[in-house]
Structures are given as structure tokens and as C-alpha cells.
Amino acid sequence: MSRNSNLEKVRVNFELTPALKESLVSLQERTNSQSITEVFRRALALLDMVTEHHEKGGHLILRHKDGQEEKVRLIY
């Protein structure tokens, strides 16, 4: 992801279903994001980090409260 993202801005418009918009609003609230744009930025940063890690041979593991681990399959 570009480190100079704050220097230049480009407007992008999306058409979303009402359910997807509600999911974004829910994520905005749960992550204390100031805007849906911030939700997108965070999501893209996370996807960038995870795919880069995966491309280098790494894996994404979720650890549940009970200690059980689950390998996350990436689909792209």
C-alpha cells in the first residue's frame, strides 16, 4: 500500500446493497472508526499485510478463547 496516500486523494464511488452498507456501518461502530472511508483504509491495510505474509509462505492462524487454533484459508 502506498505510504504517500495522504498526499493525493482520488474519489471512488461504490454501489452497495443495503445489507453491505449496514455491515460497513456496524464495522465502523465496532472499530470506533471516524468514517466508512477509514473502515476501507483499515481493511485494505489488513488485506495487504495478510496477503504479503501469505505470499512469503506464512499462514494466518486464529486462536480461540479455549486455545484451539484455526488456520484461515485465503481466497483471492
PDB file of N, CA and C in Angstrom:
ATOM      1  N   MET A   1       0.847  -1.168   0.000  1.00  0.00           N
ATOM      2  CA  MET A   1       0.000   0.000   0.000  1.00  0.00           C
ATOM      3  C   MET A   1       0.890   1.228   0.000  1.00  0.00           C
ATOM      4  N   SER A   2       0.487   2.243  -0.689  1.00  0.00           N
ATOM      5  CA  SER A   2       1.301   3.448  -0.835  1.00  0.00           C
ATOM      6  C   SER A   2       1.447   4.186   0.487  1.00  0.00           C
ATOM      7  N   ARG A   3       2.665   4.543   0.828  1.00  0.00           N
ATOM      8  CA  ARG A   3       2.932   5.295   2.055  1.00  0.00           C
ATOM      9  C   ARG A   3       2.557   6.763   1.876  1.00  0.00           C
ATOM     10  N   ASN A   4       2.375   7.240   0.618  1.00  0.00           N
ATOM     11  CA  ASN A   4       2.051   8.633   0.341  1.00  0.00           C
ATOM     12  C   ASN A   4       0.557   8.835   0.136  1.00  0.00           C
ATOM     13  N   SER A   5      -0.272   7.967   0.706  1.00  0.00           N
ATOM     14  CA  SER A   5      -1.709   8.015   0.455  1.00  0.00           C
ATOM     15  C   SER A   5      -2.358   9.304   0.947  1.00  0.00           C
ATOM     16  N   ASN A   6      -1.745  10.002   1.901  1.00  0.00           N
ATOM     17  CA  ASN A   6      -2.335  11.240   2.406  1.00  0.00           C
ATOM     18  C   ASN A   6      -1.998  12.440   1.535  1.00  0.00           C
ATOM     19  N   LEU A   7      -1.076  12.299   0.598  1.00  0.00           N
ATOM     20  CA  LEU A   7      -0.655  13.425  -0.226  1.00  0.00           C
ATOM     21  C   LEU A   7      -1.640  13.722  -1.345  1.00  0.00           C
ATOM     22  N   GLU A   8      -2.195  12.685  -1.925  1.00  0.00           N
ATOM     23  CA  GLU A   8      -3.094  12.852  -3.071  1.00  0.00           C
ATOM     24  C   GLU A   8      -4.335  12.020  -2.825  1.00  0.00           C
ATOM     25  N   LYS A   9      -5.489  12.574  -3.129  1.00  0.00           N
ATOM     26  CA  LYS A   9      -6.739  11.844  -2.916  1.00  0.00           C
ATOM     27  C   LYS A   9      -7.486  11.698  -4.236  1.00  0.00           C
ATOM     28  N   VAL A  10      -8.143  10.559  -4.363  1.00  0.00           N
ATOM     29  CA  VAL A  10      -8.947  10.250  -5.535  1.00  0.00           C
ATOM     30  C   VAL A  10     -10.309   9.773  -5.040  1.00  0.00           C
ATOM     31  N   ARG A  11     -11.364  10.283  -5.624  1.00  0.00           N
ATOM     32  CA  ARG A  11     -12.714   9.873  -5.217  1.00  0.00           C
ATOM     33  C   ARG A  11     -13.100   8.603  -5.972  1.00  0.00           C
ATOM     34  N   VAL A  12     -13.659   7.642  -5.218  1.00  0.00           N
ATOM     35  CA  VAL A  12     -14.141   6.388  -5.785  1.00  0.00           C
ATOM     36  C   VAL A  12     -15.569   6.194  -5.291  1.00  0.00           C
ATOM     37  N   ASN A  13     -16.470   5.842  -6.179  1.00  0.00           N
ATOM     38  CA  ASN A  13     -17.869   5.620  -5.822  1.00  0.00           C
ATOM     39  C   ASN A  13     -18.194   4.135  -5.946  1.00  0.00           C
ATOM     40  N   PHE A  14     -18.944   3.613  -4.988  1.00  0.00           N
ATOM     41  CA  PHE A  14     -19.355   2.213  -4.991  1.00  0.00           C
ATOM     42  C   PHE A  14     -20.871   2.127  -4.913  1.00  0.00           C
ATOM     43  N   GLU A  15     -21.428   1.127  -5.566  1.00  0.00           N
ATOM     44  CA  GLU A  15     -22.839   0.802  -5.382  1.00  0.00           C
ATOM     45  C   GLU A  15     -22.876  -0.407  -4.467  1.00  0.00           C
ATOM     46  N   LEU A  16     -23.581  -0.282  -3.349  1.00  0.00           N
ATOM     47  CA  LEU A  16     -23.644  -1.331  -2.347  1.00  0.00           C
ATOM     48  C   LEU A  16     -25.079  -1.749  -2.100  1.00  0.00           C
ATOM     49  N   THR A  17     -25.245  -2.995  -1.709  1.00  0.00           N
ATOM     50  CA  THR A  17     -26.564  -3.430  -1.261  1.00  0.00           C
ATOM     51  C   THR A  17     -26.801  -2.824   0.125  1.00  0.00           C
ATOM     52  N   PRO A  18     -28.056  -2.673   0.519  1.00  0.00           N
ATOM     53  CA  PRO A  18     -28.331  -2.162   1.865  1.00  0.00           C
ATOM     54  C   PRO A  18     -27.669  -3.020   2.952  1.00  0.00           C
ATOM     55  N   ALA A  19     -27.626  -4.330   2.770  1.00  0.00           N
ATOM     56  CA  ALA A  19     -27.014  -5.218   3.771  1.00  0.00           C
ATOM     57  C   ALA A  19     -25.516  -4.956   3.898  1.00  0.00           C
ATOM     58  N   LEU A  20     -24.843  -4.739   2.779  1.00  0.00           N
ATOM     59  CA  LEU A  20     -23.415  -4.458   2.824  1.00  0.00           C
ATOM     60  C   LEU A  20     -23.142  -3.109   3.485  1.00  0.00           C
ATOM     61  N   LYS A  21     -23.987  -2.128   3.188  1.00  0.00           N
ATOM     62  CA  LYS A  21     -23.822  -0.817   3.833  1.00  0.00           C
ATOM     63  C   LYS A  21     -24.001  -0.947   5.339  1.00  0.00           C
ATOM     64  N   GLU A  22     -24.980  -1.730   5.771  1.00  0.00           N
ATOM     65  CA  GLU A  22     -25.184  -1.937   7.206  1.00  0.00           C
ATOM     66  C   GLU A  22     -23.991  -2.642   7.841  1.00  0.00           C
ATOM     67  N   SER A  23     -23.382  -3.566   7.110  1.00  0.00           N
ATOM     68  CA  SER A  23     -22.173  -4.234   7.610  1.00  0.00           C
ATOM     69  C   SER A  23     -21.044  -3.237   7.789  1.00  0.00           C
ATOM     70  N   LEU A  24     -20.906  -2.321   6.845  1.00  0.00           N
ATOM     71  CA  LEU A  24     -19.867  -1.294   6.940  1.00  0.00           C
ATOM     72  C   LEU A  24     -20.123  -0.361   8.120  1.00  0.00           C
ATOM     73  N   VAL A  25     -21.369   0.030   8.311  1.00  0.00           N
ATOM     74  CA  VAL A  25     -21.714   0.899   9.431  1.00  0.00           C
ATOM     75  C   VAL A  25     -21.446   0.166  10.752  1.00  0.00           C
ATOM     76  N   SER A  26     -21.790  -1.107  10.817  1.00  0.00           N
ATOM     77  CA  SER A  26     -21.531  -1.902  12.010  1.00  0.00           C
ATOM     78  C   SER A  26     -20.028  -1.981  12.296  1.00  0.00           C
ATOM     79  N   LEU A  27     -19.231  -2.231  11.261  1.00  0.00           N
ATOM     80  CA  LEU A  27     -17.776  -2.259  11.424  1.00  0.00           C
ATOM     81  C   LEU A  27     -17.247  -0.907  11.866  1.00  0.00           C
ATOM     82  N   GLN A  28     -17.818   0.146  11.328  1.00  0.00           N
ATOM     83  CA  GLN A  28     -17.403   1.498  11.719  1.00  0.00           C
ATOM     84  C   GLN A  28     -17.617   1.688  13.218  1.00  0.00           C
ATOM     85  N   GLU A  29     -18.767   1.281  13.705  1.00  0.00           N
ATOM     86  CA  GLU A  29     -19.081   1.430  15.127  1.00  0.00           C
ATOM     87  C   GLU A  29     -18.203   0.517  15.983  1.00  0.00           C
ATOM     88  N   ARG A  30     -18.049  -0.755  15.583  1.00  0.00           N
ATOM     89  CA  ARG A  30     -17.288  -1.723  16.381  1.00  0.00           C
ATOM     90  C   ARG A  30     -15.805  -1.406  16.423  1.00  0.00           C
ATOM     91  N   THR A  31     -15.289  -0.713  15.409  1.00  0.00           N
ATOM     92  CA  THR A  31     -13.862  -0.386  15.360  1.00  0.00           C
ATOM     93  C   THR A  31     -13.599   1.065  15.754  1.00  0.00           C
ATOM     94  N   ASN A  32     -14.639   1.766  16.149  1.00  0.00           N
ATOM     95  CA  ASN A  32     -14.513   3.184  16.521  1.00  0.00           C
ATOM     96  C   ASN A  32     -13.869   4.012  15.413  1.00  0.00           C
ATOM     97  N   SER A  33     -14.192   3.687  14.174  1.00  0.00           N
ATOM     98  CA  SER A  33     -13.677   4.442  13.029  1.00  0.00           C
ATOM     99  C   SER A  33     -14.479   5.725  12.862  1.00  0.00           C
ATOM    100  N   GLN A  34     -13.808   6.776  12.409  1.00  0.00           N
ATOM    101  CA  GLN A  34     -14.487   8.053  12.225  1.00  0.00           C
ATOM    102  C   GLN A  34     -15.383   8.063  10.994  1.00  0.00           C
ATOM    103  N   SER A  35     -15.100   7.176  10.021  1.00  0.00           N
ATOM    104  CA  SER A  35     -15.878   7.167   8.780  1.00  0.00           C
ATOM    105  C   SER A  35     -15.817   5.791   8.136  1.00  0.00           C
ATOM    106  N   ILE A  36     -16.712   5.575   7.182  1.00  0.00           N
ATOM    107  CA  ILE A  36     -16.667   4.334   6.400  1.00  0.00           C
ATOM    108  C   ILE A  36     -15.393   4.310   5.566  1.00  0.00           C
ATOM    109  N   THR A  37     -14.921   5.464   5.132  1.00  0.00           N
ATOM    110  CA  THR A  37     -13.647   5.532   4.402  1.00  0.00           C
ATOM    111  C   THR A  37     -12.516   4.976   5.256  1.00  0.00           C
ATOM    112  N   GLU A  38     -12.518   5.295   6.540  1.00  0.00           N
ATOM    113  CA  GLU A  38     -11.490   4.765   7.441  1.00  0.00           C
ATOM    114  C   GLU A  38     -11.603   3.247   7.566  1.00  0.00           C
ATOM    115  N   VAL A  39     -12.830   2.730   7.561  1.00  0.00           N
ATOM    116  CA  VAL A  39     -13.044   1.277   7.593  1.00  0.00           C
ATOM    117  C   VAL A  39     -12.394   0.650   6.365  1.00  0.00           C
ATOM    118  N   PHE A  40     -12.616   1.237   5.190  1.00  0.00           N
ATOM    119  CA  PHE A  40     -11.997   0.732   3.962  1.00  0.00           C
ATOM    120  C   PHE A  40     -10.477   0.789   4.046  1.00  0.00           C
ATOM    121  N   ARG A  41      -9.934   1.899   4.532  1.00  0.00           N
ATOM    122  CA  ARG A  41      -8.472   2.025   4.646  1.00  0.00           C
ATOM    123  C   ARG A  41      -7.897   0.946   5.548  1.00  0.00           C
ATOM    124  N   ARG A  42      -8.531   0.740   6.696  1.00  0.00           N
ATOM    125  CA  ARG A  42      -8.061  -0.285   7.629  1.00  0.00           C
ATOM    126  C   ARG A  42      -8.169  -1.681   7.017  1.00  0.00           C
ATOM    127  N   ALA A  43      -9.287  -1.941   6.351  1.00  0.00           N
ATOM    128  CA  ALA A  43      -9.490  -3.250   5.741  1.00  0.00           C
ATOM    129  C   ALA A  43      -8.454  -3.507   4.645  1.00  0.00           C
ATOM    130  N   LEU A  44      -8.168  -2.496   3.842  1.00  0.00           N
ATOM    131  CA  LEU A  44      -7.161  -2.654   2.793  1.00  0.00           C
ATOM    132  C   LEU A  44      -5.771  -2.848   3.378  1.00  0.00           C
ATOM    133  N   ALA A  45      -5.457  -2.142   4.445  1.00  0.00           N
ATOM    134  CA  ALA A  45      -4.153  -2.304   5.091  1.00  0.00           C
ATOM    135  C   ALA A  45      -4.011  -3.724   5.646  1.00  0.00           C
ATOM    136  N   LEU A  46      -5.071  -4.233   6.258  1.00  0.00           N
ATOM    137  CA  LEU A  46      -5.041  -5.587   6.792  1.00  0.00           C
ATOM    138  C   LEU A  46      -4.900  -6.615   5.672  1.00  0.00           C
ATOM    139  N   LEU A  47      -5.683  -6.467   4.604  1.00  0.00           N
ATOM    140  CA  LEU A  47      -5.590  -7.382   3.470  1.00  0.00           C
ATOM    141  C   LEU A  47      -4.206  -7.338   2.849  1.00  0.00           C
ATOM    142  N   ASP A  48      -3.630  -6.152   2.726  1.00  0.00           N
ATOM    143  CA  ASP A  48      -2.288  -6.007   2.175  1.00  0.00           C
ATOM    144  C   ASP A  48      -1.277  -6.749   3.054  1.00  0.00           C
ATOM    145  N   MET A  49      -1.356  -6.566   4.362  1.00  0.00           N
ATOM    146  CA  MET A  49      -0.430  -7.219   5.288  1.00  0.00           C
ATOM    147  C   MET A  49      -0.566  -8.742   5.230  1.00  0.00           C
ATOM    148  N   VAL A  50      -1.796  -9.227   5.237  1.00  0.00           N
ATOM    149  CA  VAL A  50      -2.040 -10.667   5.255  1.00  0.00           C
ATOM    150  C   VAL A  50      -1.605 -11.316   3.941  1.00  0.00           C
ATOM    151  N   THR A  51      -1.939 -10.708   2.802  1.00  0.00           N
ATOM    152  CA  THR A  51      -1.549 -11.311   1.522  1.00  0.00           C
ATOM    153  C   THR A  51      -0.037 -11.285   1.340  1.00  0.00           C
ATOM    154  N   GLU A  52       0.621 -10.214   1.787  1.00  0.00           N
ATOM    155  CA  GLU A  52       2.085 -10.162   1.694  1.00  0.00           C
ATOM    156  C   GLU A  52       2.705 -11.265   2.548  1.00  0.00           C
ATOM    157  N   HIS A  53       2.184 -11.454   3.747  1.00  0.00           N
ATOM    158  CA  HIS A  53       2.674 -12.507   4.645  1.00  0.00           C
ATOM    159  C   HIS A  53       2.460 -13.882   4.004  1.00  0.00           C
ATOM    160  N   HIS A  54       1.287 -14.086   3.416  1.00  0.00           N
ATOM    161  CA  HIS A  54       0.948 -15.359   2.774  1.00  0.00           C
ATOM    162  C   HIS A  54       1.845 -15.624   1.567  1.00  0.00           C
ATOM    163  N   GLU A  55       2.111 -14.580   0.778  1.00  0.00           N
ATOM    164  CA  GLU A  55       2.976 -14.731  -0.397  1.00  0.00           C
ATOM    165  C   GLU A  55       4.390 -15.144  -0.007  1.00  0.00           C
ATOM    166  N   LYS A  56       4.805 -14.813   1.209  1.00  0.00           N
ATOM    167  CA  LYS A  56       6.135 -15.174   1.704  1.00  0.00           C
ATOM    168  C   LYS A  56       6.131 -16.529   2.407  1.00  0.00           C
ATOM    169  N   GLY A  57       5.019 -17.247   2.291  1.00  0.00           N
ATOM    170  CA  GLY A  57       4.939 -18.591   2.865  1.00  0.00           C
ATOM    171  C   GLY A  57       4.329 -18.653   4.251  1.00  0.00           C
ATOM    172  N   GLY A  58       3.872 -17.543   4.774  1.00  0.00           N
ATOM    173  CA  GLY A  58       3.279 -17.523   6.108  1.00  0.00           C
ATOM    174  C   GLY A  58       1.835 -17.975   6.103  1.00  0.00           C
ATOM    175  N   HIS A  59       1.284 -18.139   7.294  1.00  0.00           N
ATOM    176  CA  HIS A  59      -0.108 -18.556   7.464  1.00  0.00           C
ATOM    177  C   HIS A  59      -0.786 -17.633   8.467  1.00  0.00           C
ATOM    178  N   LEU A  60      -2.088 -17.532   8.343  1.00  0.00           N
ATOM    179  CA  LEU A  60      -2.891 -16.756   9.281  1.00  0.00           C
ATOM    180  C   LEU A  60      -3.611 -17.741  10.192  1.00  0.00           C
ATOM    181  N   ILE A  61      -3.333 -17.639  11.488  1.00  0.00           N
ATOM    182  CA  ILE A  61      -3.906 -18.555  12.467  1.00  0.00           C
ATOM    183  C   ILE A  61      -4.753 -17.758  13.460  1.00  0.00           C
ATOM    184  N   LEU A  62      -5.977 -18.212  13.676  1.00  0.00           N
ATOM    185  CA  LEU A  62      -6.844 -17.622  14.700  1.00  0.00           C
ATOM    186  C   LEU A  62      -6.781 -18.520  15.930  1.00  0.00           C
ATOM    187  N   ARG A  63      -6.609 -17.921  17.098  1.00  0.00           N
ATOM    188  CA  ARG A  63      -6.609 -18.683  18.342  1.00  0.00           C
ATOM    189  C   ARG A  63      -7.866 -18.308  19.120  1.00  0.00           C
ATOM    190  N   HIS A  64      -8.685 -19.312  19.406  1.00  0.00           N
ATOM    191  CA  HIS A  64      -9.931 -19.120  20.129  1.00  0.00           C
ATOM    192  C   HIS A  64      -9.672 -19.028  21.633  1.00  0.00           C
ATOM    193  N   LYS A  65     -10.659 -18.584  22.374  1.00  0.00           N
ATOM    194  CA  LYS A  65     -10.537 -18.455  23.829  1.00  0.00           C
ATOM    195  C   LYS A  65     -10.083 -19.750  24.489  1.00  0.00           C
ATOM    196  N   ASP A  66     -10.559 -20.875  23.964  1.00  0.00           N
ATOM    197  CA  ASP A  66     -10.230 -22.170  24.564  1.00  0.00           C
ATOM    198  C   ASP A  66      -8.849 -22.683  24.140  1.00  0.00           C
ATOM    199  N   GLY A  67      -8.117 -21.884  23.365  1.00  0.00           N
ATOM    200  CA  GLY A  67      -6.782 -22.273  22.933  1.00  0.00           C
ATOM    201  C   GLY A  67      -6.749 -23.006  21.599  1.00  0.00           C
ATOM    202  N   GLN A  68      -7.913 -23.376  21.101  1.00  0.00           N
ATOM    203  CA  GLN A  68      -7.971 -24.062  19.808  1.00  0.00           C
ATOM    204  C   GLN A  68      -7.518 -23.106  18.723  1.00  0.00           C
ATOM    205  N   GLU A  69      -6.720 -23.620  17.780  1.00  0.00           N
ATOM    206  CA  GLU A  69      -6.228 -22.789  16.680  1.00  0.00           C
ATOM    207  C   GLU A  69      -6.864 -23.221  15.378  1.00  0.00           C
ATOM    208  N   GLU A  70      -7.094 -22.228  14.526  1.00  0.00           N
ATOM    209  CA  GLU A  70      -7.750 -22.456  13.239  1.00  0.00           C
ATOM    210  C   GLU A  70      -6.970 -21.722  12.158  1.00  0.00           C
ATOM    211  N   LYS A  71      -6.528 -22.457  11.139  1.00  0.00           N
ATOM    212  CA  LYS A  71      -5.816 -21.858  10.026  1.00  0.00           C
ATOM    213  C   LYS A  71      -6.835 -21.216   9.081  1.00  0.00           C
ATOM    214  N   VAL A  72      -6.620 -19.955   8.749  1.00  0.00           N
ATOM    215  CA  VAL A  72      -7.537 -19.229   7.881  1.00  0.00           C
ATOM    216  C   VAL A  72      -7.110 -19.444   6.429  1.00  0.00           C
ATOM    217  N   ARG A  73      -8.056 -19.857   5.611  1.00  0.00           N
ATOM    218  CA  ARG A  73      -7.780 -20.024   4.179  1.00  0.00           C
ATOM    219  C   ARG A  73      -8.030 -18.704   3.479  1.00  0.00           C
ATOM    220  N   LEU A  74      -7.056 -18.280   2.716  1.00  0.00           N
ATOM    221  CA  LEU A  74      -7.205 -17.023   1.972  1.00  0.00           C
ATOM    222  C   LEU A  74      -7.709 -17.335   0.583  1.00  0.00           C
ATOM    223  N   ILE A  75      -8.728 -16.600   0.182  1.00  0.00           N
ATOM    224  CA  ILE A  75      -9.332 -16.780  -1.140  1.00  0.00           C
ATOM    225  C   ILE A  75      -9.160 -15.483  -1.903  1.00  0.00           C
ATOM    226  N   TYR A  76      -8.375 -15.529  -2.966  1.00  0.00           N
ATOM    227  CA  TYR A  76      -8.205 -14.365  -3.826  1.00  0.00           C
ATOM    228  C   TYR A  76      -7.733 -14.776  -5.180  1.00  0.00           C
TER     229      TYR A  76
END
